Amino acid sequence: MLINRLFTEPLFFVAWVVAIVTALTIHEFSHAFTAYLLGDHTAKEDGRISFNPLTHIDPLGFFMLLIAGFGWAKPVSVNPYNLRQPRSGIALVSLAGPLANLVCVFIFALLFKFLSPILGINNLLSNFLFMMTLINISLFVFNLIPIPPLDGSKILFSLLPDSRFAEFKYKFSVNGPWILLMVIIFDSITGAGIFSRLFGFMVDLISRLIQ
């Protein structure tokens, strides 16, 4: 458990928590700001257009972060009917979070590449830059999985016309979280490596691009 690092490697623990909270804050801010730009002020009225982590942190998600090493932030409220183009708008809002994480991947990967030889691989700042790279890759990959309530499902739904897929969208939205949980459990128990393969592919791709 991540919380154990607090007693064995307190600096590592603090750096890891700060990295995760920062990445989640950037992700949720990007959703909120994009929705505002596209005409929906709901997130702005909720105070979500902010880099203050306290506005984005979900208490249970943060608790799970400390205990299990993974967590989640408070979802950004978006009213698609306020968007100037509801169908394409909700896709862009949903895509904004993962894309912001992808931009962060390149920024922190490049900083790590150029600074780690100077600072040393075991330097706390080097470790933080490396953590930020890996965490943002994880958020990018995981959130694009097209299973509710992840961002990928909203992008998928925006591509499917309501006239033919309304019932599918409703049932998938209701059952999606359970399906996602079962996929995670199946992947963990069987060692299928579904998520680790996706993650490994992105790490390899990013490594090649910044070489």
Protein backbone atom coordinates (compact mmCIF):
# COMPACT_ATOMS: atom_id res chain seq x y z
CA MET A 1 0.00 0.00 0.00
CA LEU A 2 1.15 3.52 -0.78
CA ILE A 3 0.52 4.67 2.79
CA ASN A 4 3.31 2.32 3.96
CA ARG A 5 5.80 4.50 2.09
CA LEU A 6 4.94 7.33 4.50
CA PHE A 7 6.87 5.48 7.21
CA THR A 8 9.63 3.92 5.11
CA GLU A 9 10.23 6.59 2.43
CA PRO A 10 8.37 9.76 3.49
CA LEU A 11 9.87 11.97 0.76
CA PHE A 12 8.91 9.42 -1.91
CA PHE A 13 5.40 9.25 -0.44
CA VAL A 14 4.95 13.03 -0.50
CA ALA A 15 6.34 13.31 -4.05
CA TRP A 16 4.04 10.53 -5.28
CA VAL A 17 0.93 12.05 -3.69
CA VAL A 18 1.77 15.53 -5.01
CA ALA A 19 2.34 14.08 -8.49
CA ILE A 20 -0.98 12.23 -8.56
CA VAL A 21 -2.96 15.16 -7.16
CA THR A 22 -1.31 17.54 -9.64
CA ALA A 23 -2.06 15.27 -12.61
CA LEU A 24 -5.69 14.81 -11.52
CA THR A 25 -6.08 18.57 -11.01
CA ILE A 26 -4.78 19.31 -14.51
CA HIS A 27 -7.10 16.65 -15.93
CA GLU A 28 -10.25 18.01 -14.28
CA PHE A 29 -9.33 21.67 -14.86
CA SER A 30 -9.02 20.91 -18.58
CA HIS A 31 -12.53 19.43 -18.66
CA ALA A 32 -13.95 22.45 -16.85
CA PHE A 33 -12.13 25.09 -18.89
CA THR A 34 -12.98 23.45 -22.21
CA ALA A 35 -16.66 23.26 -21.26
CA TYR A 36 -16.56 26.97 -20.39
CA LEU A 37 -14.92 27.84 -23.71
CA LEU A 38 -17.61 25.88 -25.55
CA GLY A 39 -20.48 27.67 -23.83
CA ASP A 40 -21.30 25.74 -20.65
CA HIS A 41 -20.68 27.77 -17.48
CA THR A 42 -21.73 25.01 -15.05
CA ALA A 43 -18.17 24.09 -14.08
CA LYS A 44 -17.23 27.77 -13.69
CA GLU A 45 -20.18 28.32 -11.36
CA ASP A 46 -19.06 25.27 -9.37
CA GLY A 47 -15.60 26.82 -8.97
CA ARG A 48 -13.92 24.10 -11.02
CA ILE A 49 -11.93 26.40 -13.31
CA SER A 50 -9.11 26.45 -10.81
CA PHE A 51 -5.73 24.86 -10.23
CA ASN A 52 -6.53 24.57 -6.54
CA PRO A 53 -6.50 20.78 -5.90
CA LEU A 54 -9.09 21.15 -3.12
CA THR A 55 -11.75 22.07 -5.68
CA HIS A 56 -11.16 18.84 -7.60
CA ILE A 57 -10.35 16.26 -4.92
CA ASP A 58 -12.98 13.66 -4.06
CA PRO A 59 -12.62 12.61 -0.37
CA LEU A 60 -13.17 8.89 -1.03
CA GLY A 61 -10.96 8.99 -4.11
CA PHE A 62 -8.19 10.67 -2.13
CA PHE A 63 -8.55 8.13 0.68
CA MET A 64 -8.19 5.29 -1.85
CA LEU A 65 -5.16 7.08 -3.26
CA LEU A 66 -3.44 6.99 0.12
CA ILE A 67 -4.43 3.41 0.89
CA ALA A 68 -4.21 1.68 -2.48
CA GLY A 69 -2.03 4.00 -4.54
CA PHE A 70 -4.78 4.90 -7.00
CA GLY A 71 -7.75 7.19 -6.72
CA TRP A 72 -10.01 9.55 -8.58
CA ALA A 73 -11.03 13.18 -8.61
CA LYS A 74 -14.45 14.80 -8.38
CA PRO A 75 -16.16 14.61 -11.81
CA VAL A 76 -16.76 17.93 -13.55
CA SER A 77 -20.45 18.70 -14.09
CA VAL A 78 -21.22 19.48 -17.73
CA ASN A 79 -24.60 20.33 -19.23
CA PRO A 80 -24.32 19.34 -22.90
CA TYR A 81 -27.40 21.42 -23.78
CA ASN A 82 -25.47 24.57 -22.84
CA LEU A 83 -22.70 23.74 -25.30
CA ARG A 84 -22.86 25.50 -28.63
CA GLN A 85 -22.54 22.15 -30.41
CA PRO A 86 -23.78 19.54 -27.89
CA ARG A 87 -22.63 16.38 -29.69
CA SER A 88 -19.16 17.50 -30.77
CA GLY A 89 -18.86 19.70 -27.69
CA ILE A 90 -19.21 16.87 -25.20
CA ALA A 91 -16.63 14.89 -27.18
CA LEU A 92 -14.17 17.80 -27.00
CA VAL A 93 -14.81 18.33 -23.29
CA SER A 94 -14.26 14.62 -22.63
CA LEU A 95 -11.11 14.56 -24.75
CA ALA A 96 -9.64 17.65 -23.08
CA GLY A 97 -8.65 15.86 -19.87
CA PRO A 98 -6.70 12.99 -21.47
CA LEU A 99 -5.10 15.37 -23.98
CA ALA A 100 -3.93 17.64 -21.16
CA ASN A 101 -2.34 14.59 -19.53
CA LEU A 102 -0.67 13.68 -22.82
CA VAL A 103 0.82 17.18 -23.12
CA CYS A 104 2.11 16.81 -19.56
CA VAL A 105 3.69 13.47 -20.49
CA PHE A 106 5.89 15.12 -23.10
CA ILE A 107 6.72 18.12 -20.89
CA PHE A 108 7.77 16.07 -17.87
CA ALA A 109 9.45 13.35 -19.93
CA LEU A 110 11.62 15.95 -21.65
CA LEU A 111 12.42 17.64 -18.33
CA PHE A 112 13.39 14.27 -16.89
CA LYS A 113 15.53 13.47 -19.91
CA PHE A 114 17.55 16.68 -19.68
CA LEU A 115 17.65 17.21 -15.91
CA SER A 116 18.15 13.71 -14.53
CA PRO A 117 21.76 13.46 -15.84
CA ILE A 118 22.52 16.73 -14.02
CA LEU A 119 20.56 16.08 -10.83
CA GLY A 120 21.20 12.36 -10.60
CA ILE A 121 18.71 9.55 -11.05
CA ASN A 122 18.04 9.29 -7.29
CA ASN A 123 17.40 13.01 -6.84
CA LEU A 124 13.93 13.83 -5.45
CA LEU A 125 13.15 16.23 -8.31
CA SER A 126 14.24 13.62 -10.86
CA ASN A 127 11.94 11.11 -9.19
CA PHE A 128 9.07 13.60 -9.21
CA LEU A 129 9.51 14.30 -12.93
CA PHE A 130 9.58 10.56 -13.62
CA MET A 131 6.46 10.02 -11.50
CA MET A 132 4.62 12.83 -13.30
CA THR A 133 5.48 11.22 -16.63
CA LEU A 134 4.21 7.78 -15.62
CA ILE A 135 1.08 9.05 -13.84
CA ASN A 136 0.05 11.22 -16.78
CA ILE A 137 0.56 8.29 -19.16
CA SER A 138 -1.66 6.19 -16.89
CA LEU A 139 -4.40 8.83 -16.80
CA PHE A 140 -4.25 9.30 -20.57
CA VAL A 141 -4.51 5.58 -21.34
CA PHE A 142 -7.02 4.65 -18.65
CA ASN A 143 -9.45 7.51 -19.28
CA LEU A 144 -9.68 6.78 -23.01
CA ILE A 145 -11.03 3.27 -22.37
CA PRO A 146 -14.58 3.43 -23.85
CA ILE A 147 -16.39 2.11 -20.77
CA PRO A 148 -18.57 4.38 -18.59
CA PRO A 149 -17.91 6.46 -16.61
CA LEU A 150 -14.53 7.05 -18.29
CA ASP A 151 -13.98 9.84 -20.82
CA GLY A 152 -13.60 7.36 -23.66
CA SER A 153 -17.23 6.30 -23.29
CA LYS A 154 -18.47 9.88 -23.68
CA ILE A 155 -16.39 10.25 -26.83
CA LEU A 156 -17.84 6.96 -28.13
CA PHE A 157 -21.40 8.03 -27.30
CA SER A 158 -20.95 11.33 -29.15
CA LEU A 159 -20.21 9.35 -32.32
CA LEU A 160 -23.34 7.18 -32.04
CA PRO A 161 -26.68 8.72 -33.11
CA ASP A 162 -29.36 8.72 -30.40
CA SER A 163 -31.98 7.56 -32.89
CA ARG A 164 -30.36 4.13 -33.14
CA PHE A 165 -28.28 3.78 -29.98
CA ALA A 166 -30.32 5.49 -27.24
CA GLU A 167 -31.14 2.23 -25.44
CA PHE A 168 -27.55 0.98 -25.75
CA LYS A 169 -26.19 4.24 -24.35
CA TYR A 170 -28.57 4.11 -21.39
CA LYS A 171 -27.89 0.48 -20.50
CA PHE A 172 -24.13 0.86 -21.01
CA SER A 173 -24.08 4.00 -18.83
CA VAL A 174 -25.92 2.19 -16.03
CA ASN A 175 -23.87 -1.01 -16.19
CA GLY A 176 -20.57 0.49 -17.33
CA PRO A 177 -19.02 1.02 -13.88
CA TRP A 178 -19.67 -2.63 -12.98
CA ILE A 179 -18.27 -3.79 -16.31
CA LEU A 180 -15.17 -1.67 -15.74
CA LEU A 181 -14.76 -3.08 -12.23
CA MET A 182 -15.06 -6.65 -13.56
CA VAL A 183 -12.49 -5.94 -16.27
CA ILE A 184 -10.06 -4.57 -13.66
CA ILE A 185 -10.63 -7.58 -11.36
CA PHE A 186 -10.30 -10.03 -14.27
CA ASP A 187 -7.09 -8.36 -15.40
CA SER A 188 -5.69 -8.47 -11.87
CA ILE A 189 -6.65 -12.09 -11.09
CA THR A 190 -5.72 -13.65 -14.43
CA GLY A 191 -2.64 -11.56 -15.09
CA ALA A 192 -3.94 -10.87 -18.59
CA GLY A 193 -2.05 -7.58 -18.58
CA ILE A 194 -4.69 -5.61 -20.48
CA PHE A 195 -3.84 -2.32 -18.80
CA SER A 196 -0.12 -2.99 -18.43
CA ARG A 197 0.15 -3.73 -22.17
CA LEU A 198 -1.58 -0.47 -23.07
CA PHE A 199 0.59 1.38 -20.57
CA GLY A 200 3.76 -0.32 -21.84
CA PHE A 201 2.89 0.53 -25.43
CA MET A 202 2.50 4.22 -24.54
CA VAL A 203 5.72 4.27 -22.50
CA ASP A 204 7.61 2.73 -25.42
CA LEU A 205 6.04 5.16 -27.89
CA ILE A 206 6.84 8.22 -25.76
CA SER A 207 10.40 6.98 -25.22
CA ARG A 208 10.91 6.68 -28.97
CA LEU A 209 9.43 10.11 -29.66
CA ILE A 210 11.65 11.99 -27.20
CA GLN A 211 14.89 10.19 -28.07
